[in-house]
């Protein structure tokens, strides 16, 4: 299988970057890394006698001065929460040089670490959410991109439409009539409107085990360029209803209690859980839309393995609340796992 370095234009840009920055003459070696669901490509540059670095190669030229990743990185450094340093950039090549955090995501570490280690790391991850929310409020400014965008009705509705189009129709092959669409919209719209009306805090927007890197004994946050304002449950749901790992009900409950403690929320778990679960319905359906899109449109089958766990989350959450009975009924017509 061809590597990302073989894609048209990518090799030339990487070679040019190494030459411009003096790394070629230092004997630098380039190793392709596994990418994410974006159109960016990643490479590790190994330099004899020096620290390695990671190149984030965008699909085309960039403008460093207005790049959301750079803007949000500055905000997160100011808090501070652990994020990779930016070592350099070449705008015309579309390349950022970043601190190399290694290869161990939280997802990968969980498979090799004892359960006691899981608790400590997840408490650290929850503490980072608390910092994002508290310091995010303290540092609010129109200089930073996330404060100008939000999980509003339009955004949340778009994500639900994305789920219908790419998971129900493209991936599962559902044939929806206008009546089917209207019925689904009637159930999803109140969810979207309720979430959009909640008080907003700073959200990472994709805060899960694949976007937390274990480096030097600490969890670093990556892939934060889409940060925006949204419900205080959003990042916690992303972390605890993670499509990539299963934490189990007891650890999940303990971490929700820990979140309420470290954020100083006046609400009890009994009051908080319905809001958490409401967010989980929307967030997990959105994730299914992404997995359907990657599989059916981009022909990237790697995400298929995460669909069953995500569907189980949706099934269990819908089953707990009478208010979701009609939504579950409508979805179950096309998704047998929800029956």
C-alpha atoms as a PDB file:
ATOM      1  CA  UNK A   1       0.000   0.000   0.000  1.00  0.00           C
ATOM      2  CA  UNK A   2       1.454   3.412  -0.917  1.00  0.00           C
ATOM      3  CA  UNK A   3       2.413   5.604   2.029  1.00  0.00           C
ATOM      4  CA  UNK A   4       1.195   9.166   2.556  1.00  0.00           C
ATOM      5  CA  UNK A   5       4.609  10.319   1.339  1.00  0.00           C
ATOM      6  CA  UNK A   6       3.794   8.938  -2.101  1.00  0.00           C
ATOM      7  CA  UNK A   7       0.678  11.085  -2.540  1.00  0.00           C
ATOM      8  CA  UNK A   8       0.965  13.614  -5.391  1.00  0.00           C
ATOM      9  CA  UNK A   9       2.938  16.657  -4.326  1.00  0.00           C
ATOM     10  CA  UNK A  10       3.402  15.607  -0.697  1.00  0.00           C
ATOM     11  CA  UNK A  11       6.894  14.157  -1.087  1.00  0.00           C
ATOM     12  CA  UNK A  12       8.150  17.226  -2.951  1.00  0.00           C
ATOM     13  CA  UNK A  13       6.801  19.550  -0.292  1.00  0.00           C
ATOM     14  CA  UNK A  14       8.338  17.560   2.560  1.00  0.00           C
ATOM     15  CA  UNK A  15      11.703  17.348   0.777  1.00  0.00           C
ATOM     16  CA  UNK A  16      11.616  21.102   0.147  1.00  0.00           C
ATOM     17  CA  UNK A  17      10.786  21.759   3.815  1.00  0.00           C
ATOM     18  CA  UNK A  18      13.732  19.670   4.991  1.00  0.00           C
ATOM     19  CA  UNK A  19      16.082  21.473   2.610  1.00  0.00           C
ATOM     20  CA  UNK A  20      14.874  24.942   3.618  1.00  0.00           C
ATOM     21  CA  UNK A  21      15.212  24.248   7.319  1.00  0.00           C
ATOM     22  CA  UNK A  22      18.672  22.679   7.086  1.00  0.00           C
ATOM     23  CA  UNK A  23      17.475  19.235   8.087  1.00  0.00           C
ATOM     24  CA  UNK A  24      18.511  17.506   4.871  1.00  0.00           C
ATOM     25  CA  UNK A  25      22.189  18.208   5.442  1.00  0.00           C
ATOM     26  CA  UNK A  26      21.814  16.930   8.998  1.00  0.00           C
ATOM     27  CA  UNK A  27      20.747  13.528   7.710  1.00  0.00           C
ATOM     28  CA  UNK A  28      17.075  13.784   8.590  1.00  0.00           C
ATOM     29  CA  UNK A  29      14.918  10.735   7.919  1.00  0.00           C
ATOM     30  CA  UNK A  30      11.133  10.901   7.338  1.00  0.00           C
ATOM     31  CA  UNK A  31       8.683   8.304   8.632  1.00  0.00           C
ATOM     32  CA  UNK A  32       4.954   8.475   7.726  1.00  0.00           C
ATOM     33  CA  UNK A  33       2.547   8.429  10.673  1.00  0.00           C
ATOM     34  CA  UNK A  34      -1.034   7.260  10.896  1.00  0.00           C
ATOM     35  CA  UNK A  35      -3.358  10.121  10.053  1.00  0.00           C
ATOM     36  CA  UNK A  36      -6.723  11.157  11.420  1.00  0.00           C
ATOM     37  CA  UNK A  37     -10.101  11.713   9.764  1.00  0.00           C
ATOM     38  CA  UNK A  38      -8.933  15.018   8.245  1.00  0.00           C
ATOM     39  CA  UNK A  39      -7.121  15.656   4.972  1.00  0.00           C
ATOM     40  CA  UNK A  40      -3.848  16.450   6.773  1.00  0.00           C
ATOM     41  CA  UNK A  41      -0.905  14.061   6.572  1.00  0.00           C
ATOM     42  CA  UNK A  42       1.636  13.525   9.346  1.00  0.00           C
ATOM     43  CA  UNK A  43       5.316  12.584   9.274  1.00  0.00           C
ATOM     44  CA  UNK A  44       7.973  12.109  11.925  1.00  0.00           C
ATOM     45  CA  UNK A  45      11.331  13.663  11.111  1.00  0.00           C
ATOM     46  CA  UNK A  46      14.206  11.848  12.817  1.00  0.00           C
ATOM     47  CA  UNK A  47      17.315  13.989  13.135  1.00  0.00           C
ATOM     48  CA  UNK A  48      20.585  12.376  14.300  1.00  0.00           C
ATOM     49  CA  UNK A  49      21.671  13.838  17.621  1.00  0.00           C
ATOM     50  CA  UNK A  50      18.528  15.974  18.007  1.00  0.00           C
ATOM     51  CA  UNK A  51      14.908  15.696  19.067  1.00  0.00           C
ATOM     52  CA  UNK A  52      12.503  14.406  16.457  1.00  0.00           C
ATOM     53  CA  UNK A  53       9.624  16.556  15.285  1.00  0.00           C
ATOM     54  CA  UNK A  54       6.316  15.960  13.552  1.00  0.00           C
ATOM     55  CA  UNK A  55       5.314  17.618  10.287  1.00  0.00           C
ATOM     56  CA  UNK A  56       1.618  18.340   9.775  1.00  0.00           C
ATOM     57  CA  UNK A  57       1.183  18.601   6.010  1.00  0.00           C
ATOM     58  CA  UNK A  58      -2.008  20.356   4.960  1.00  0.00           C
ATOM     59  CA  UNK A  59      -3.789  19.805   1.669  1.00  0.00           C
ATOM     60  CA  UNK A  60      -2.473  23.115   0.322  1.00  0.00           C
ATOM     61  CA  UNK A  61      -0.813  26.387   1.354  1.00  0.00           C
ATOM     62  CA  UNK A  62      -1.613  27.859   4.769  1.00  0.00           C
ATOM     63  CA  UNK A  63      -1.565  31.295   6.363  1.00  0.00           C
ATOM     64  CA  UNK A  64       0.117  30.796   9.728  1.00  0.00           C
ATOM     65  CA  UNK A  65      -1.163  34.126  11.032  1.00  0.00           C
ATOM     66  CA  UNK A  66      -4.812  33.072  10.796  1.00  0.00           C
ATOM     67  CA  UNK A  67      -4.594  29.281  11.071  1.00  0.00           C
ATOM     68  CA  UNK A  68      -7.150  28.092  13.682  1.00  0.00           C
ATOM     69  CA  UNK A  69      -4.706  25.502  15.057  1.00  0.00           C
ATOM     70  CA  UNK A  70      -2.176  28.228  15.791  1.00  0.00           C
ATOM     71  CA  UNK A  71      -4.775  30.580  17.250  1.00  0.00           C
ATOM     72  CA  UNK A  72      -6.190  27.939  19.587  1.00  0.00           C
ATOM     73  CA  UNK A  73      -2.706  26.688  20.539  1.00  0.00           C
ATOM     74  CA  UNK A  74      -1.859  30.167  21.830  1.00  0.00           C
ATOM     75  CA  UNK A  75      -5.025  30.208  23.911  1.00  0.00           C
ATOM     76  CA  UNK A  76      -4.348  26.771  25.383  1.00  0.00           C
ATOM     77  CA  UNK A  77      -0.734  27.648  26.187  1.00  0.00           C
ATOM     78  CA  UNK A  78      -1.983  30.686  28.054  1.00  0.00           C
ATOM     79  CA  UNK A  79      -4.262  28.633  30.330  1.00  0.00           C
ATOM     80  CA  UNK A  80      -2.039  26.539  30.473  1.00  0.00           C
ATOM     81  CA  UNK A  81      -2.935  22.996  29.430  1.00  0.00           C
ATOM     82  CA  UNK A  82      -0.376  20.652  27.843  1.00  0.00           C
ATOM     83  CA  UNK A  83      -0.339  20.965  24.043  1.00  0.00           C
ATOM     84  CA  UNK A  84       2.490  20.461  21.521  1.00  0.00           C
ATOM     85  CA  UNK A  85       4.868  23.312  20.818  1.00  0.00           C
ATOM     86  CA  UNK A  86       4.984  24.748  17.298  1.00  0.00           C
ATOM     87  CA  UNK A  87       8.597  24.753  16.098  1.00  0.00           C
ATOM     88  CA  UNK A  88       8.204  26.260  12.652  1.00  0.00           C
ATOM     89  CA  UNK A  89       6.140  26.631   9.514  1.00  0.00           C
ATOM     90  CA  UNK A  90       6.407  27.086   5.765  1.00  0.00           C
ATOM     91  CA  UNK A  91       3.151  28.610   4.558  1.00  0.00           C
ATOM     92  CA  UNK A  92       3.567  28.034   0.839  1.00  0.00           C
ATOM     93  CA  UNK A  93       4.292  24.346   1.492  1.00  0.00           C
ATOM     94  CA  UNK A  94       1.350  24.010   3.886  1.00  0.00           C
ATOM     95  CA  UNK A  95       3.552  22.544   6.617  1.00  0.00           C
ATOM     96  CA  UNK A  96       3.705  23.024  10.394  1.00  0.00           C
ATOM     97  CA  UNK A  97       6.585  21.545  12.410  1.00  0.00           C
ATOM     98  CA  UNK A  98       5.356  20.386  15.813  1.00  0.00           C
ATOM     99  CA  UNK A  99       6.775  18.937  18.998  1.00  0.00           C
ATOM    100  CA  UNK A 100       6.883  15.129  18.764  1.00  0.00           C
ATOM    101  CA  UNK A 101       4.752  13.686  21.558  1.00  0.00           C
ATOM    102  CA  UNK A 102       5.486  10.086  20.614  1.00  0.00           C
ATOM    103  CA  UNK A 103       3.065   7.367  19.577  1.00  0.00           C
ATOM    104  CA  UNK A 104       1.175   6.517  22.768  1.00  0.00           C
ATOM    105  CA  UNK A 105      -2.374   7.791  22.739  1.00  0.00           C
ATOM    106  CA  UNK A 106      -4.546   7.313  25.792  1.00  0.00           C
ATOM    107  CA  UNK A 107      -6.423   4.697  23.765  1.00  0.00           C
ATOM    108  CA  UNK A 108      -3.214   2.735  23.142  1.00  0.00           C
ATOM    109  CA  UNK A 109      -2.018   3.052  26.727  1.00  0.00           C
ATOM    110  CA  UNK A 110      -5.211   1.628  28.176  1.00  0.00           C
ATOM    111  CA  UNK A 111      -4.509  -1.704  26.512  1.00  0.00           C
ATOM    112  CA  UNK A 112      -1.171  -2.062  28.286  1.00  0.00           C
ATOM    113  CA  UNK A 113      -1.674  -0.376  31.655  1.00  0.00           C
ATOM    114  CA  UNK A 114      -3.282  -1.662  34.886  1.00  0.00           C
ATOM    115  CA  UNK A 115      -6.759  -0.396  35.734  1.00  0.00           C
ATOM    116  CA  UNK A 116      -5.412   1.720  38.603  1.00  0.00           C
ATOM    117  CA  UNK A 117      -3.410   3.644  36.027  1.00  0.00           C
ATOM    118  CA  UNK A 118      -6.593   4.183  33.991  1.00  0.00           C
ATOM    119  CA  UNK A 119      -8.254   6.021  36.870  1.00  0.00           C
ATOM    120  CA  UNK A 120      -5.332   8.393  37.403  1.00  0.00           C
ATOM    121  CA  UNK A 121      -5.052   9.230  33.720  1.00  0.00           C
ATOM    122  CA  UNK A 122      -8.758   9.798  33.289  1.00  0.00           C
ATOM    123  CA  UNK A 123      -8.835  12.045  36.322  1.00  0.00           C
ATOM    124  CA  UNK A 124      -6.059  14.036  34.668  1.00  0.00           C
ATOM    125  CA  UNK A 125      -8.112  14.186  31.460  1.00  0.00           C
ATOM    126  CA  UNK A 126     -11.179  15.383  33.382  1.00  0.00           C
ATOM    127  CA  UNK A 127      -9.053  18.003  35.154  1.00  0.00           C
ATOM    128  CA  UNK A 128      -7.956  19.335  31.761  1.00  0.00           C
ATOM    129  CA  UNK A 129     -11.645  19.762  30.833  1.00  0.00           C
ATOM    130  CA  UNK A 130     -12.188  21.706  34.043  1.00  0.00           C
ATOM    131  CA  UNK A 131      -9.245  23.977  33.138  1.00  0.00           C
ATOM    132  CA  UNK A 132     -10.571  24.497  29.608  1.00  0.00           C
ATOM    133  CA  UNK A 133     -13.912  25.571  31.015  1.00  0.00           C
ATOM    134  CA  UNK A 134     -12.701  27.770  33.879  1.00  0.00           C
ATOM    135  CA  UNK A 135      -9.702  29.391  32.210  1.00  0.00           C
ATOM    136  CA  UNK A 136     -11.627  29.500  28.960  1.00  0.00           C
ATOM    137  CA  UNK A 137     -14.100  31.817  30.666  1.00  0.00           C
ATOM    138  CA  UNK A 138     -11.308  33.896  32.202  1.00  0.00           C
ATOM    139  CA  UNK A 139      -9.511  34.363  28.877  1.00  0.00           C
ATOM    140  CA  UNK A 140     -12.543  34.963  26.658  1.00  0.00           C
ATOM    141  CA  UNK A 141     -11.634  37.374  23.879  1.00  0.00           C
ATOM    142  CA  UNK A 142     -12.569  37.953  20.267  1.00  0.00           C
ATOM    143  CA  UNK A 143      -8.845  37.548  19.486  1.00  0.00           C
ATOM    144  CA  UNK A 144      -9.365  33.808  19.798  1.00  0.00           C
ATOM    145  CA  UNK A 145     -11.331  31.889  17.168  1.00  0.00           C
ATOM    146  CA  UNK A 146     -13.344  29.598  19.496  1.00  0.00           C
ATOM    147  CA  UNK A 147     -15.234  32.481  21.106  1.00  0.00           C
ATOM    148  CA  UNK A 148     -16.803  33.439  17.802  1.00  0.00           C
ATOM    149  CA  UNK A 149     -18.265  30.004  16.961  1.00  0.00           C
ATOM    150  CA  UNK A 150     -20.563  27.703  18.877  1.00  0.00           C
ATOM    151  CA  UNK A 151     -22.615  24.566  18.936  1.00  0.00           C
ATOM    152  CA  UNK A 152     -25.726  26.504  17.994  1.00  0.00           C
ATOM    153  CA  UNK A 153     -28.917  25.161  16.421  1.00  0.00           C
ATOM    154  CA  UNK A 154     -27.468  25.427  12.929  1.00  0.00           C
ATOM    155  CA  UNK A 155     -24.278  23.479  13.753  1.00  0.00           C
ATOM    156  CA  UNK A 156     -25.969  20.774  15.809  1.00  0.00           C
ATOM    157  CA  UNK A 157     -28.701  20.351  13.190  1.00  0.00           C
ATOM    158  CA  UNK A 158     -26.097  20.068  10.435  1.00  0.00           C
ATOM    159  CA  UNK A 159     -24.451  17.249  12.375  1.00  0.00           C
ATOM    160  CA  UNK A 160     -27.755  15.393  12.692  1.00  0.00           C
ATOM    161  CA  UNK A 161     -28.366  15.796   8.958  1.00  0.00           C
ATOM    162  CA  UNK A 162     -24.830  14.475   8.415  1.00  0.00           C
ATOM    163  CA  UNK A 163     -25.720  11.376  10.468  1.00  0.00           C
ATOM    164  CA  UNK A 164     -28.859  10.774   8.424  1.00  0.00           C
ATOM    165  CA  UNK A 165     -27.096  11.242   5.088  1.00  0.00           C
ATOM    166  CA  UNK A 166     -23.864   9.365   5.715  1.00  0.00           C
ATOM    167  CA  UNK A 167     -24.759   6.711   8.268  1.00  0.00           C
ATOM    168  CA  UNK A 168     -28.422   5.893   7.690  1.00  0.00           C
ATOM    169  CA  UNK A 169     -28.467   6.360   3.936  1.00  0.00           C
ATOM    170  CA  UNK A 170     -24.917   5.969   2.606  1.00  0.00           C
ATOM    171  CA  UNK A 171     -23.609   3.342   5.044  1.00  0.00           C
ATOM    172  CA  UNK A 172     -26.718   1.429   6.091  1.00  0.00           C
ATOM    173  CA  UNK A 173     -28.566   1.890   2.810  1.00  0.00           C
ATOM    174  CA  UNK A 174     -31.778   3.283   4.310  1.00  0.00           C
ATOM    175  CA  UNK A 175     -34.366   4.524   1.822  1.00  0.00           C
ATOM    176  CA  UNK A 176     -36.039   7.484   3.516  1.00  0.00           C
ATOM    177  CA  UNK A 177     -39.273   9.067   2.377  1.00  0.00           C
ATOM    178  CA  UNK A 178     -40.065  12.721   2.971  1.00  0.00           C
ATOM    179  CA  UNK A 179     -42.306  11.530   5.790  1.00  0.00           C
ATOM    180  CA  UNK A 180     -39.428   9.577   7.355  1.00  0.00           C
ATOM    181  CA  UNK A 181     -37.212  12.652   7.242  1.00  0.00           C
ATOM    182  CA  UNK A 182     -39.892  14.849   8.760  1.00  0.00           C
ATOM    183  CA  UNK A 183     -40.513  12.351  11.566  1.00  0.00           C
ATOM    184  CA  UNK A 184     -36.793  12.127  12.379  1.00  0.00           C
ATOM    185  CA  UNK A 185     -36.453  15.888  12.279  1.00  0.00           C
ATOM    186  CA  UNK A 186     -39.379  16.253  14.676  1.00  0.00           C
ATOM    187  CA  UNK A 187     -37.535  14.097  17.232  1.00  0.00           C
ATOM    188  CA  UNK A 188     -34.042  15.480  16.699  1.00  0.00           C
ATOM    189  CA  UNK A 189     -34.963  19.180  16.632  1.00  0.00           C
ATOM    190  CA  UNK A 190     -35.980  19.391  20.328  1.00  0.00           C
ATOM    191  CA  UNK A 191     -32.674  17.723  21.294  1.00  0.00           C
ATOM    192  CA  UNK A 192     -30.719  20.213  19.220  1.00  0.00           C
ATOM    193  CA  UNK A 193     -32.658  23.213  20.521  1.00  0.00           C
ATOM    194  CA  UNK A 194     -32.278  22.157  24.147  1.00  0.00           C
ATOM    195  CA  UNK A 195     -28.520  21.669  23.778  1.00  0.00           C
ATOM    196  CA  UNK A 196     -28.077  24.954  21.908  1.00  0.00           C
ATOM    197  CA  UNK A 197     -29.897  26.825  24.669  1.00  0.00           C
ATOM    198  CA  UNK A 198     -27.555  25.648  27.430  1.00  0.00           C
ATOM    199  CA  UNK A 199     -24.977  28.060  28.887  1.00  0.00           C
ATOM    200  CA  UNK A 200     -21.780  27.785  26.863  1.00  0.00           C
ATOM    201  CA  UNK A 201     -18.223  27.034  27.892  1.00  0.00           C
ATOM    202  CA  UNK A 202     -15.062  26.497  25.872  1.00  0.00           C
ATOM    203  CA  UNK A 203     -15.094  23.028  24.281  1.00  0.00           C
ATOM    204  CA  UNK A 204     -12.253  21.144  22.630  1.00  0.00           C
ATOM    205  CA  UNK A 205     -14.894  19.591  20.358  1.00  0.00           C
ATOM    206  CA  UNK A 206     -13.192  16.198  19.835  1.00  0.00           C
ATOM    207  CA  UNK A 207     -11.917  15.305  23.292  1.00  0.00           C
ATOM    208  CA  UNK A 208     -11.391  11.539  23.351  1.00  0.00           C
ATOM    209  CA  UNK A 209      -8.737   8.878  23.879  1.00  0.00           C
ATOM    210  CA  UNK A 210      -7.188   9.244  20.409  1.00  0.00           C
ATOM    211  CA  UNK A 211      -6.644  12.982  20.893  1.00  0.00           C
ATOM    212  CA  UNK A 212      -4.877  12.654  24.249  1.00  0.00           C
ATOM    213  CA  UNK A 213      -1.204  11.699  24.029  1.00  0.00           C
ATOM    214  CA  UNK A 214       0.780  10.264  26.934  1.00  0.00           C
ATOM    215  CA  UNK A 215       4.146  12.018  26.904  1.00  0.00           C
ATOM    216  CA  UNK A 216       6.641  12.306  29.772  1.00  0.00           C
ATOM    217  CA  UNK A 217       4.010  10.976  32.160  1.00  0.00           C
ATOM    218  CA  UNK A 218       1.470  13.657  31.259  1.00  0.00           C
ATOM    219  CA  UNK A 219      -1.560  13.792  28.975  1.00  0.00           C
ATOM    220  CA  UNK A 220      -1.148  16.265  26.122  1.00  0.00           C
ATOM    221  CA  UNK A 221      -4.120  17.517  24.098  1.00  0.00           C
ATOM    222  CA  UNK A 222      -3.978  17.435  20.295  1.00  0.00           C
ATOM    223  CA  UNK A 223      -6.357  18.072  17.360  1.00  0.00           C
ATOM    224  CA  UNK A 224      -7.863  21.139  19.018  1.00  0.00           C
ATOM    225  CA  UNK A 225      -8.226  23.403  15.979  1.00  0.00           C
ATOM    226  CA  UNK A 226     -12.038  23.062  15.928  1.00  0.00           C
ATOM    227  CA  UNK A 227     -12.533  24.315  19.502  1.00  0.00           C
ATOM    228  CA  UNK A 228     -15.717  26.303  20.014  1.00  0.00           C
ATOM    229  CA  UNK A 229     -18.308  27.269  22.619  1.00  0.00           C
ATOM    230  CA  UNK A 230     -20.865  24.705  23.723  1.00  0.00           C
ATOM    231  CA  UNK A 231     -22.518  22.862  26.624  1.00  0.00           C
ATOM    232  CA  UNK A 232     -20.417  21.987  29.674  1.00  0.00           C
ATOM    233  CA  UNK A 233     -21.257  18.330  29.023  1.00  0.00           C
ATOM    234  CA  UNK A 234     -19.782  18.217  25.525  1.00  0.00           C
ATOM    235  CA  UNK A 235     -16.142  17.339  26.188  1.00  0.00           C
ATOM    236  CA  UNK A 236     -17.039  15.071  29.103  1.00  0.00           C
ATOM    237  CA  UNK A 237     -19.396  13.089  26.877  1.00  0.00           C
ATOM    238  CA  UNK A 238     -16.659  12.854  24.222  1.00  0.00           C
ATOM    239  CA  UNK A 239     -14.295  11.426  26.830  1.00  0.00           C
ATOM    240  CA  UNK A 240     -16.627   9.068  28.692  1.00  0.00           C
ATOM    241  CA  UNK A 241     -18.872   7.929  25.817  1.00  0.00           C
ATOM    242  CA  UNK A 242     -15.801   7.432  23.664  1.00  0.00           C
ATOM    243  CA  UNK A 243     -16.318   5.366  20.509  1.00  0.00           C
ATOM    244  CA  UNK A 244     -12.743   4.070  20.797  1.00  0.00           C
ATOM    245  CA  UNK A 245     -12.717   2.689  24.354  1.00  0.00           C
ATOM    246  CA  UNK A 246     -15.227   1.295  26.840  1.00  0.00           C
ATOM    247  CA  UNK A 247     -14.732   2.599  30.360  1.00  0.00           C
ATOM    248  CA  UNK A 248     -17.551   0.678  32.000  1.00  0.00           C
ATOM    249  CA  UNK A 249     -20.415   2.080  34.088  1.00  0.00           C
ATOM    250  CA  UNK A 250     -18.633   2.339  37.438  1.00  0.00           C
ATOM    251  CA  UNK A 251     -15.591   4.251  36.200  1.00  0.00           C
ATOM    252  CA  UNK A 252     -17.851   6.472  34.110  1.00  0.00           C
ATOM    253  CA  UNK A 253     -20.006   7.278  37.155  1.00  0.00           C
ATOM    254  CA  UNK A 254     -16.912   7.948  39.280  1.00  0.00           C
ATOM    255  CA  UNK A 255     -15.496  10.314  36.676  1.00  0.00           C
ATOM    256  CA  UNK A 256     -18.755  12.218  36.343  1.00  0.00           C
ATOM    257  CA  UNK A 257     -18.727  12.689  40.121  1.00  0.00           C
ATOM    258  CA  UNK A 258     -15.096  13.820  39.904  1.00  0.00           C
ATOM    259  CA  UNK A 259     -15.964  16.314  37.161  1.00  0.00           C
ATOM    260  CA  UNK A 260     -18.722  17.830  39.299  1.00  0.00           C
ATOM    261  CA  UNK A 261     -16.271  18.098  42.201  1.00  0.00           C
ATOM    262  CA  UNK A 262     -13.366  19.689  40.323  1.00  0.00           C
ATOM    263  CA  UNK A 263     -15.583  22.134  38.432  1.00  0.00           C
ATOM    264  CA  UNK A 264     -17.490  23.081  41.581  1.00  0.00           C
ATOM    265  CA  UNK A 265     -20.824  22.481  39.866  1.00  0.00           C
ATOM    266  CA  UNK A 266     -23.737  23.028  42.255  1.00  0.00           C
ATOM    267  CA  UNK A 267     -25.800  20.346  40.484  1.00  0.00           C
ATOM    268  CA  UNK A 268     -26.017  16.799  41.770  1.00  0.00           C
ATOM    269  CA  UNK A 269     -25.364  13.746  39.614  1.00  0.00           C
ATOM    270  CA  UNK A 270     -29.114  13.151  39.453  1.00  0.00           C
ATOM    271  CA  UNK A 271     -29.592  16.609  37.934  1.00  0.00           C
ATOM    272  CA  UNK A 272     -26.504  16.419  35.726  1.00  0.00           C
ATOM    273  CA  UNK A 273     -26.994  12.960  34.196  1.00  0.00           C
ATOM    274  CA  UNK A 274     -30.038  13.799  32.040  1.00  0.00           C
ATOM    275  CA  UNK A 275     -28.082  16.688  30.470  1.00  0.00           C
ATOM    276  CA  UNK A 276     -25.075  14.425  30.029  1.00  0.00           C
ATOM    277  CA  UNK A 277     -27.181  11.756  28.336  1.00  0.00           C
ATOM    278  CA  UNK A 278     -28.940  14.283  26.100  1.00  0.00           C
ATOM    279  CA  UNK A 279     -25.541  15.455  24.893  1.00  0.00           C
ATOM    280  CA  UNK A 280     -24.456  11.827  24.465  1.00  0.00           C
ATOM    281  CA  UNK A 281     -27.337  11.108  22.083  1.00  0.00           C
ATOM    282  CA  UNK A 282     -26.354  13.975  19.799  1.00  0.00           C
ATOM    283  CA  UNK A 283     -22.616  13.386  20.075  1.00  0.00           C
ATOM    284  CA  UNK A 284     -22.809   9.626  19.409  1.00  0.00           C
ATOM    285  CA  UNK A 285     -25.131  10.065  16.440  1.00  0.00           C
ATOM    286  CA  UNK A 286     -22.714  12.640  15.069  1.00  0.00           C
ATOM    287  CA  UNK A 287     -19.852  10.147  15.509  1.00  0.00           C
ATOM    288  CA  UNK A 288     -21.818   7.534  13.562  1.00  0.00           C
ATOM    289  CA  UNK A 289     -22.219  10.074  10.772  1.00  0.00           C
ATOM    290  CA  UNK A 290     -18.452  10.544  10.681  1.00  0.00           C
ATOM    291  CA  UNK A 291     -17.816   6.792  10.613  1.00  0.00           C
ATOM    292  CA  UNK A 292     -20.361   6.360   7.823  1.00  0.00           C
ATOM    293  CA  UNK A 293     -18.772   9.180   5.829  1.00  0.00           C
ATOM    294  CA  UNK A 294     -15.256   7.802   6.230  1.00  0.00           C
ATOM    295  CA  UNK A 295     -16.394   4.333   5.196  1.00  0.00           C
ATOM    296  CA  UNK A 296     -18.893   5.009   2.412  1.00  0.00           C
ATOM    297  CA  UNK A 297     -17.518   8.214   0.903  1.00  0.00           C
ATOM    298  CA  UNK A 298     -13.793   8.240   1.633  1.00  0.00           C
ATOM    299  CA  UNK A 299     -13.452   4.447   1.382  1.00  0.00           C
ATOM    300  CA  UNK A 300     -11.587   4.333   4.686  1.00  0.00           C
ATOM    301  CA  UNK A 301     -12.744   1.174   6.518  1.00  0.00           C
ATOM    302  CA  UNK A 302     -10.720   1.696   9.700  1.00  0.00           C
ATOM    303  CA  UNK A 303     -13.673   3.245  11.545  1.00  0.00           C
ATOM    304  CA  UNK A 304     -16.072   0.327  11.011  1.00  0.00           C
ATOM    305  CA  UNK A 305     -14.706  -1.379  14.134  1.00  0.00           C
ATOM    306  CA  UNK A 306     -15.935   1.501  16.309  1.00  0.00           C
ATOM    307  CA  UNK A 307     -19.524   1.482  15.090  1.00  0.00           C
ATOM    308  CA  UNK A 308     -20.845  -1.357  17.339  1.00  0.00           C
ATOM    309  CA  UNK A 309     -19.703   0.319  20.563  1.00  0.00           C
ATOM    310  CA  UNK A 310     -21.168   3.659  19.472  1.00  0.00           C
ATOM    311  CA  UNK A 311     -24.488   2.034  18.580  1.00  0.00           C
ATOM    312  CA  UNK A 312     -24.540   0.369  21.991  1.00  0.00           C
ATOM    313  CA  UNK A 313     -24.109   3.757  23.640  1.00  0.00           C
ATOM    314  CA  UNK A 314     -27.017   5.113  21.611  1.00  0.00           C
ATOM    315  CA  UNK A 315     -29.199   2.079  22.348  1.00  0.00           C
ATOM    316  CA  UNK A 316     -28.590   2.220  26.098  1.00  0.00           C
ATOM    317  CA  UNK A 317     -29.137   5.969  26.352  1.00  0.00           C
ATOM    318  CA  UNK A 318     -32.337   5.983  24.292  1.00  0.00           C
ATOM    319  CA  UNK A 319     -33.671   3.052  26.311  1.00  0.00           C
ATOM    320  CA  UNK A 320     -33.224   4.873  29.636  1.00  0.00           C
ATOM    321  CA  UNK A 321     -35.546   7.778  28.840  1.00  0.00           C
ATOM    322  CA  UNK A 322     -39.205   7.652  27.801  1.00  0.00           C
ATOM    323  CA  UNK A 323     -38.727  10.926  25.921  1.00  0.00           C
ATOM    324  CA  UNK A 324     -36.566   9.083  23.381  1.00  0.00           C
ATOM    325  CA  UNK A 325     -39.024   6.252  22.698  1.00  0.00           C
ATOM    326  CA  UNK A 326     -40.225   7.633  19.377  1.00  0.00           C
ATOM    327  CA  UNK A 327     -36.704   8.471  18.188  1.00  0.00           C
ATOM    328  CA  UNK A 328     -35.560   4.961  19.016  1.00  0.00           C
ATOM    329  CA  UNK A 329     -38.535   3.524  17.146  1.00  0.00           C
ATOM    330  CA  UNK A 330     -37.764   5.572  14.041  1.00  0.00           C
ATOM    331  CA  UNK A 331     -34.057   4.734  14.051  1.00  0.00           C
ATOM    332  CA  UNK A 332     -34.681   1.058  14.769  1.00  0.00           C
ATOM    333  CA  UNK A 333     -36.540   0.747  11.465  1.00  0.00           C
ATOM    334  CA  UNK A 334     -33.147   1.113   9.772  1.00  0.00           C
ATOM    335  CA  UNK A 335     -30.686   0.110  12.526  1.00  0.00           C
ATOM    336  CA  UNK A 336     -31.364  -3.329  13.934  1.00  0.00           C
ATOM    337  CA  UNK A 337     -28.929  -2.781  16.836  1.00  0.00           C
ATOM    338  CA  UNK A 338     -31.372  -0.235  18.271  1.00  0.00           C
ATOM    339  CA  UNK A 339     -34.340  -2.589  18.401  1.00  0.00           C
END
